[in-house]
């Protein structure tokens, strides 16, 4: 099965030939953290005009502030130079559904008898975004000086809309 990765390893060789981040300390140079979806239509750095090394990027299904994302934000704020947090779900997200409909789709792919975990479907994206932004703003380990905003990314236009 190693040949399944040959194209990616070849691309990595080309990438490494011009690699410029050697020795970089990992601090977010622009002071930015982005929590967004794992969707491949999203370029979290490019959509806000940044480059590698400028921001911490946290991705998961739906772009939610999960417990693990919250830990990453706390570390980012206190150890890695983050002073601005963007929470960014997007339009036409597969997670923007009811839990029941998402589980039905997965059962269709995996089989009807498979035991599924809670998938975290989001039937109200803007409401969930408000909750996630509040969770970050109100966390006792996130200082009030950290700017936290909620934005919806449109996968068809590339534009961010400030929601919260």
C-alpha atoms as a PDB file:
ATOM      1  CA  UNK A   1       0.000   0.000   0.000  1.00  0.00           C
ATOM      2  CA  UNK A   2       2.937   2.462   0.216  1.00  0.00           C
ATOM      3  CA  UNK A   3       2.519   3.308  -3.488  1.00  0.00           C
ATOM      4  CA  UNK A   4      -0.818   4.890  -2.597  1.00  0.00           C
ATOM      5  CA  UNK A   5       1.200   7.816  -1.230  1.00  0.00           C
ATOM      6  CA  UNK A   6       3.836   8.136  -3.989  1.00  0.00           C
ATOM      7  CA  UNK A   7       2.274  11.250  -5.546  1.00  0.00           C
ATOM      8  CA  UNK A   8       2.099  12.957  -2.165  1.00  0.00           C
ATOM      9  CA  UNK A   9       5.681  12.083  -1.267  1.00  0.00           C
ATOM     10  CA  UNK A  10       6.852  13.409  -4.644  1.00  0.00           C
ATOM     11  CA  UNK A  11       4.957  16.646  -4.004  1.00  0.00           C
ATOM     12  CA  UNK A  12       6.557  16.832  -0.559  1.00  0.00           C
ATOM     13  CA  UNK A  13      10.006  16.613  -2.127  1.00  0.00           C
ATOM     14  CA  UNK A  14       9.181  19.639  -4.319  1.00  0.00           C
ATOM     15  CA  UNK A  15       7.785  21.478  -1.291  1.00  0.00           C
ATOM     16  CA  UNK A  16      10.848  20.725   0.828  1.00  0.00           C
ATOM     17  CA  UNK A  17      13.206  21.956  -1.903  1.00  0.00           C
ATOM     18  CA  UNK A  18      12.032  25.548  -1.262  1.00  0.00           C
ATOM     19  CA  UNK A  19      11.165  25.215   2.438  1.00  0.00           C
ATOM     20  CA  UNK A  20      11.564  28.518   4.300  1.00  0.00           C
ATOM     21  CA  UNK A  21      10.263  27.840   7.813  1.00  0.00           C
ATOM     22  CA  UNK A  22      13.289  25.986   9.184  1.00  0.00           C
ATOM     23  CA  UNK A  23      14.001  27.045  12.752  1.00  0.00           C
ATOM     24  CA  UNK A  24      10.682  28.882  13.125  1.00  0.00           C
ATOM     25  CA  UNK A  25       9.570  28.948  16.774  1.00  0.00           C
ATOM     26  CA  UNK A  26       5.875  28.198  16.147  1.00  0.00           C
ATOM     27  CA  UNK A  27       4.522  31.471  17.540  1.00  0.00           C
ATOM     28  CA  UNK A  28       1.599  32.818  15.503  1.00  0.00           C
ATOM     29  CA  UNK A  29       3.305  35.786  13.809  1.00  0.00           C
ATOM     30  CA  UNK A  30       0.013  37.581  13.119  1.00  0.00           C
ATOM     31  CA  UNK A  31      -1.421  36.636  16.527  1.00  0.00           C
ATOM     32  CA  UNK A  32      -4.314  34.791  14.894  1.00  0.00           C
ATOM     33  CA  UNK A  33      -6.050  31.489  15.599  1.00  0.00           C
ATOM     34  CA  UNK A  34      -8.727  30.150  13.255  1.00  0.00           C
ATOM     35  CA  UNK A  35     -11.221  27.450  14.225  1.00  0.00           C
ATOM     36  CA  UNK A  36     -12.829  26.149  11.048  1.00  0.00           C
ATOM     37  CA  UNK A  37     -14.200  23.090   9.332  1.00  0.00           C
ATOM     38  CA  UNK A  38     -12.139  20.283   7.850  1.00  0.00           C
ATOM     39  CA  UNK A  39     -13.794  20.962   4.468  1.00  0.00           C
ATOM     40  CA  UNK A  40     -11.230  20.959   1.665  1.00  0.00           C
ATOM     41  CA  UNK A  41     -12.841  24.010   0.024  1.00  0.00           C
ATOM     42  CA  UNK A  42     -11.499  26.204   2.818  1.00  0.00           C
ATOM     43  CA  UNK A  43      -8.021  27.751   2.744  1.00  0.00           C
ATOM     44  CA  UNK A  44      -7.984  29.135   6.313  1.00  0.00           C
ATOM     45  CA  UNK A  45      -4.725  31.041   5.909  1.00  0.00           C
ATOM     46  CA  UNK A  46      -5.300  32.380   2.404  1.00  0.00           C
ATOM     47  CA  UNK A  47      -8.865  33.542   3.034  1.00  0.00           C
ATOM     48  CA  UNK A  48      -7.600  36.148   5.517  1.00  0.00           C
ATOM     49  CA  UNK A  49      -4.473  37.150   3.615  1.00  0.00           C
ATOM     50  CA  UNK A  50      -1.950  35.342   5.817  1.00  0.00           C
ATOM     51  CA  UNK A  51       0.935  32.955   5.146  1.00  0.00           C
ATOM     52  CA  UNK A  52       2.227  29.810   6.859  1.00  0.00           C
ATOM     53  CA  UNK A  53       3.543  30.728  10.288  1.00  0.00           C
ATOM     54  CA  UNK A  54       1.099  33.596  10.779  1.00  0.00           C
ATOM     55  CA  UNK A  55      -1.743  31.702  12.463  1.00  0.00           C
ATOM     56  CA  UNK A  56      -2.765  28.627  14.403  1.00  0.00           C
ATOM     57  CA  UNK A  57      -5.374  26.646  12.477  1.00  0.00           C
ATOM     58  CA  UNK A  58      -7.757  24.249  14.225  1.00  0.00           C
ATOM     59  CA  UNK A  59      -9.986  22.125  12.019  1.00  0.00           C
ATOM     60  CA  UNK A  60     -12.788  19.703  12.767  1.00  0.00           C
ATOM     61  CA  UNK A  61     -16.159  18.703  11.275  1.00  0.00           C
ATOM     62  CA  UNK A  62     -18.357  21.800  11.337  1.00  0.00           C
ATOM     63  CA  UNK A  63     -15.681  24.175  12.644  1.00  0.00           C
ATOM     64  CA  UNK A  64     -16.855  23.848  16.244  1.00  0.00           C
ATOM     65  CA  UNK A  65     -15.123  24.953  19.431  1.00  0.00           C
ATOM     66  CA  UNK A  66     -14.813  21.459  20.885  1.00  0.00           C
ATOM     67  CA  UNK A  67     -13.029  20.661  24.140  1.00  0.00           C
ATOM     68  CA  UNK A  68      -9.843  19.924  22.198  1.00  0.00           C
ATOM     69  CA  UNK A  69     -10.151  23.161  20.207  1.00  0.00           C
ATOM     70  CA  UNK A  70     -10.614  25.060  23.486  1.00  0.00           C
ATOM     71  CA  UNK A  71      -7.401  23.527  24.865  1.00  0.00           C
ATOM     72  CA  UNK A  72      -5.573  24.539  21.695  1.00  0.00           C
ATOM     73  CA  UNK A  73      -6.894  28.099  21.995  1.00  0.00           C
ATOM     74  CA  UNK A  74      -5.788  28.341  25.633  1.00  0.00           C
ATOM     75  CA  UNK A  75      -2.305  27.140  24.672  1.00  0.00           C
ATOM     76  CA  UNK A  76      -2.263  29.484  21.693  1.00  0.00           C
ATOM     77  CA  UNK A  77      -3.226  32.505  23.770  1.00  0.00           C
ATOM     78  CA  UNK A  78      -0.800  31.862  26.618  1.00  0.00           C
ATOM     79  CA  UNK A  79       2.165  30.267  24.853  1.00  0.00           C
ATOM     80  CA  UNK A  80       1.989  30.954  21.120  1.00  0.00           C
ATOM     81  CA  UNK A  81       1.172  34.634  20.660  1.00  0.00           C
ATOM     82  CA  UNK A  82      -2.539  34.394  19.805  1.00  0.00           C
ATOM     83  CA  UNK A  83      -4.528  37.541  20.554  1.00  0.00           C
ATOM     84  CA  UNK A  84      -7.300  37.183  17.934  1.00  0.00           C
ATOM     85  CA  UNK A  85      -9.576  34.181  17.439  1.00  0.00           C
ATOM     86  CA  UNK A  86     -11.817  33.637  14.436  1.00  0.00           C
ATOM     87  CA  UNK A  87     -14.474  30.917  14.596  1.00  0.00           C
ATOM     88  CA  UNK A  88     -15.467  30.112  11.011  1.00  0.00           C
ATOM     89  CA  UNK A  89     -18.103  27.588   9.936  1.00  0.00           C
ATOM     90  CA  UNK A  90     -19.125  27.669   6.270  1.00  0.00           C
ATOM     91  CA  UNK A  91     -22.021  27.493   3.847  1.00  0.00           C
ATOM     92  CA  UNK A  92     -23.086  24.162   2.362  1.00  0.00           C
ATOM     93  CA  UNK A  93     -21.459  22.233   5.212  1.00  0.00           C
ATOM     94  CA  UNK A  94     -22.243  18.516   5.484  1.00  0.00           C
ATOM     95  CA  UNK A  95     -22.498  18.979   9.264  1.00  0.00           C
ATOM     96  CA  UNK A  96     -25.276  21.578   8.829  1.00  0.00           C
ATOM     97  CA  UNK A  97     -28.019  18.998   9.271  1.00  0.00           C
ATOM     98  CA  UNK A  98     -29.949  17.230  11.976  1.00  0.00           C
ATOM     99  CA  UNK A  99     -28.151  14.523  13.910  1.00  0.00           C
ATOM    100  CA  UNK A 100     -30.728  12.004  12.677  1.00  0.00           C
ATOM    101  CA  UNK A 101     -30.231  12.850   8.996  1.00  0.00           C
ATOM    102  CA  UNK A 102     -26.450  12.790   9.307  1.00  0.00           C
ATOM    103  CA  UNK A 103     -26.551   9.437  11.098  1.00  0.00           C
ATOM    104  CA  UNK A 104     -28.879   8.073   8.393  1.00  0.00           C
ATOM    105  CA  UNK A 105     -26.415   9.123   5.680  1.00  0.00           C
ATOM    106  CA  UNK A 106     -23.543   7.478   7.520  1.00  0.00           C
ATOM    107  CA  UNK A 107     -25.560   4.293   8.114  1.00  0.00           C
ATOM    108  CA  UNK A 108     -26.265   4.195   4.403  1.00  0.00           C
ATOM    109  CA  UNK A 109     -22.512   4.244   3.758  1.00  0.00           C
ATOM    110  CA  UNK A 110     -21.405   1.966   6.615  1.00  0.00           C
ATOM    111  CA  UNK A 111     -24.327  -0.412   7.023  1.00  0.00           C
ATOM    112  CA  UNK A 112     -27.581  -0.328   8.964  1.00  0.00           C
ATOM    113  CA  UNK A 113     -26.322  -2.220  12.009  1.00  0.00           C
ATOM    114  CA  UNK A 114     -23.241  -0.128  12.720  1.00  0.00           C
ATOM    115  CA  UNK A 115     -23.130   1.596  16.097  1.00  0.00           C
ATOM    116  CA  UNK A 116     -22.436   5.280  15.520  1.00  0.00           C
ATOM    117  CA  UNK A 117     -21.107   7.898  17.910  1.00  0.00           C
ATOM    118  CA  UNK A 118     -22.780  11.266  18.338  1.00  0.00           C
ATOM    119  CA  UNK A 119     -21.629  13.073  15.182  1.00  0.00           C
ATOM    120  CA  UNK A 120     -22.234  16.673  16.256  1.00  0.00           C
ATOM    121  CA  UNK A 121     -24.560  17.792  13.486  1.00  0.00           C
ATOM    122  CA  UNK A 122     -25.430  21.500  13.562  1.00  0.00           C
ATOM    123  CA  UNK A 123     -29.029  22.297  12.666  1.00  0.00           C
ATOM    124  CA  UNK A 124     -28.607  26.025  13.476  1.00  0.00           C
ATOM    125  CA  UNK A 125     -25.210  27.224  12.270  1.00  0.00           C
ATOM    126  CA  UNK A 126     -25.544  30.819  13.413  1.00  0.00           C
ATOM    127  CA  UNK A 127     -26.863  29.750  16.825  1.00  0.00           C
ATOM    128  CA  UNK A 128     -23.995  27.266  17.216  1.00  0.00           C
ATOM    129  CA  UNK A 129     -21.552  29.972  16.118  1.00  0.00           C
ATOM    130  CA  UNK A 130     -22.896  32.332  18.789  1.00  0.00           C
ATOM    131  CA  UNK A 131     -22.513  29.581  21.391  1.00  0.00           C
ATOM    132  CA  UNK A 132     -18.947  28.809  20.289  1.00  0.00           C
ATOM    133  CA  UNK A 133     -17.881  32.462  20.307  1.00  0.00           C
ATOM    134  CA  UNK A 134     -19.424  32.905  23.774  1.00  0.00           C
ATOM    135  CA  UNK A 135     -17.639  29.790  24.989  1.00  0.00           C
ATOM    136  CA  UNK A 136     -14.279  31.261  24.000  1.00  0.00           C
ATOM    137  CA  UNK A 137     -15.033  34.792  25.213  1.00  0.00           C
ATOM    138  CA  UNK A 138     -16.297  33.586  28.585  1.00  0.00           C
ATOM    139  CA  UNK A 139     -13.655  30.961  29.291  1.00  0.00           C
ATOM    140  CA  UNK A 140     -11.768  31.801  32.480  1.00  0.00           C
ATOM    141  CA  UNK A 141      -8.404  31.143  30.783  1.00  0.00           C
ATOM    142  CA  UNK A 142      -9.039  33.417  27.797  1.00  0.00           C
ATOM    143  CA  UNK A 143      -8.261  37.023  28.777  1.00  0.00           C
ATOM    144  CA  UNK A 144     -10.783  39.733  27.904  1.00  0.00           C
ATOM    145  CA  UNK A 145      -8.087  41.415  25.782  1.00  0.00           C
ATOM    146  CA  UNK A 146      -8.282  38.547  23.256  1.00  0.00           C
ATOM    147  CA  UNK A 147     -10.570  39.537  20.366  1.00  0.00           C
ATOM    148  CA  UNK A 148     -12.982  36.736  19.438  1.00  0.00           C
ATOM    149  CA  UNK A 149     -15.227  36.877  16.382  1.00  0.00           C
ATOM    150  CA  UNK A 150     -17.628  34.553  14.614  1.00  0.00           C
ATOM    151  CA  UNK A 151     -17.740  34.539  10.820  1.00  0.00           C
ATOM    152  CA  UNK A 152     -19.529  32.486   8.166  1.00  0.00           C
ATOM    153  CA  UNK A 153     -17.393  31.573   5.147  1.00  0.00           C
ATOM    154  CA  UNK A 154     -19.197  31.322   1.810  1.00  0.00           C
ATOM    155  CA  UNK A 155     -17.646  28.441  -0.146  1.00  0.00           C
ATOM    156  CA  UNK A 156     -19.078  29.821  -3.394  1.00  0.00           C
ATOM    157  CA  UNK A 157     -17.717  33.371  -3.145  1.00  0.00           C
ATOM    158  CA  UNK A 158     -14.738  33.067  -0.777  1.00  0.00           C
ATOM    159  CA  UNK A 159     -16.165  35.845   1.397  1.00  0.00           C
ATOM    160  CA  UNK A 160     -16.374  35.963   5.189  1.00  0.00           C
ATOM    161  CA  UNK A 161     -19.473  37.463   6.788  1.00  0.00           C
ATOM    162  CA  UNK A 162     -19.123  38.723  10.359  1.00  0.00           C
ATOM    163  CA  UNK A 163     -21.931  37.152  12.378  1.00  0.00           C
ATOM    164  CA  UNK A 164     -20.884  37.483  16.036  1.00  0.00           C
END
